[in-house]
Amino acid sequence: MLAKKYTAVAGQSSVIREIFEYGKKRAAVVGADNVFDFSIGNPSVPAPEMVNETAIRIMQTEDSCKVHGYPSAVGYDDTREAIAANLNRRYHMQYHKNNIFMTIGAASAISLCFRVLADYGQDDEIMVCAPYFPEYKCFIEGAGVKVTEISADPKDFQINFPELESKLNVHTRAIIINSPNNPTGVVYSEDTLKKLAAILEEASNRFGRPIYIISDEPYREIVFDDKTVPYVPHFYKNTLVCYSYSKSLSLPGERVGYIAFTDEISDADIMLGTIGAVAREMGYVGVPSLFQMVVRDCVDALSDISVYETNRNILYKALTQMGYQCVKPDGTFYIFPRCLEEDAENFCKRAQKYDLLVVPSTSFSCDSHFRLSYCVPTKRVERALPLFEKLIKEYRG
C-alpha cells in the first residue's frame, strides 16, 4: 500500500493548473489564438542574452567535471559571494557568503524555512496573509505545522493588522509575506512593514522566543511607476529572505534561488547548518552547478520586463473604464479585479464562455475577486478587451 496521506489527494492539482490544462484542450478545438489564457504566471520575456552567452562560455571554457559535477550543499562559495555583494550594493547590507544558502528555486527555499523554524507535529503555527500563493498552505501542512490565515483587506491589500494581532500566540513561529504580491501586484509600504516589525517584536518579547518573517521575494525587480520595494531586513532583524531568479532572469525552468539572512538574526551561528540539515532530509541538496555559475556571472542582469508594465497599463485602464473595480498593481505581472458577483468560481466559469481563462480568488483564500496573469503578448491583452466588455455587459443585462 502507498502512503494514505498522498493517495487521498492523488490526481488532484491546483485550480491554476486545471485552468491551464483546460486552455490547452480548448485551444485544440478553437485554435490557440482564440483562447485568452491568463491563468498561469509563466514569464513571457526571454532571459537576457547575457545568460545564454554565459552558459555557453562556461560549458566551453570551465572544467567539465565541475560544470556537471556535484556542488557543495550550501552552494558554491563564489556564487554566494556574488549574491551577497549584489545585495550589499543594492540594499546597503553586510551579507557575506555564509548568510546565503542556494536553493532549488523559491519553492524549496520557502519549504526549507518552514521546517527550519517550526517543529513537525507540534502545536507550532505559521501565519499567512490572504490573498496568498496557494502552495504556501501545501508547504506548511507538509511540514506538519498549522496554517493560521489572516484575511484580506480588500481596500488596499495591505496587512489586516487587527486580525493579525488577535491571532498571534505563543505557538506562532513565523509569518510569511510576499511583496510585490501574487495575486494582487501590491507592494507592502514602509509603514506596513514598520508596523508589522513593531508588533512582532513586542510579541516575541512577550512570548519569550522570536517570531520570524519569511519574505518571499521572486517579483522584487518587477515594479512599475518608479516604485521602490522596501527591503524587509531593514525593518526586522529576524527575517529570512527567499528569492528566485525565475522572474528577474526569466529562468523558471532552471530552479535556482537562495535563502538570505543577516548575522543579527536569532540563532545566526547555527542557521546555515540547520538549513543544510533540513535540505538533506528533503533531498534539496545541491543547486545544479551550471546555473549557479551563470547566476554568479549574471547576478546584476535583468530581463526586459517593460512589456509587463505595458500590459498592466492597458488592462488597468480598460477594465476600470468598463466598470471593473481593481486596486492598481504596483508590480508583478498580476492584476486582481473584483468579480461581477460574489461567487468567484461561478464568475470564472462564465468568463470561459468567452474563452477568457482567469483564476478565482478562492484559490488565494480570498472572496469575490479574480486573478489575471498578464505575462502574455500585448496583442493578446488587447484582443481580450472586447471579451471582458461583453462579459460585464452580460452581467448588466
Foldseek 3Di string as FASTA:
>chain_A
DDDPVAVVCPPDDFPLVVLVVVLVVVCVVVNNLQFQAQRDQQFQFAFPVLLVVLLVCCCVPPDVCLQFHFAFQQGDQLLLQLLQVVCCVVPVDDDHSLQKGKFQALVLVLLLVLLLQAAAQDAAEEEEEPLAQLCNCVSNVVSNYHYDYQYADQVARQGPVVSVLVPDDLRYREYEDEACGPPALAAHDPVSLLVVQVSQVVSCVVNVHHYAYEYEYAFQPFFDPPDHHDDNCVRHQRYKYWYGCCAFRVPPVQRITIIGHDCPHPPSVCVSVSSSVSCVVVVRGGRNSSVSSSCSVCVPHGTPNVQLVVLLVVVVVLCVVLPWAFNRRRGDNKTKTFALDFAQVVSQVLLCVSSHHWAGSVSSVHTGIIMGRRSDGSVSSVVCSVSSSVSVVVSVD
